[in-house]
């Protein structure tokens, strides 16, 4: 099972919003969905490289605390 700091849409409660920064580029997280045992993070634009190139990378995330509250 994978974990995420972002709450996915569930039980009538809306998903968290925020940002994800990888390789010095910041993306907006516009949706978070539970898919099986994982949380799928939908970004405002596609990542430029193939998904395998991001394995093991350090990612910084921020959550929109005002929306969460």
Foldseek 3Di string as FASTA:
>chain_A
DDDDPWDADDPNQHTWWWWKDFPRDIWTFPHWHDDPPDIDTDTPDDDPDDPVVCPPTDMDIDTPVVSVD
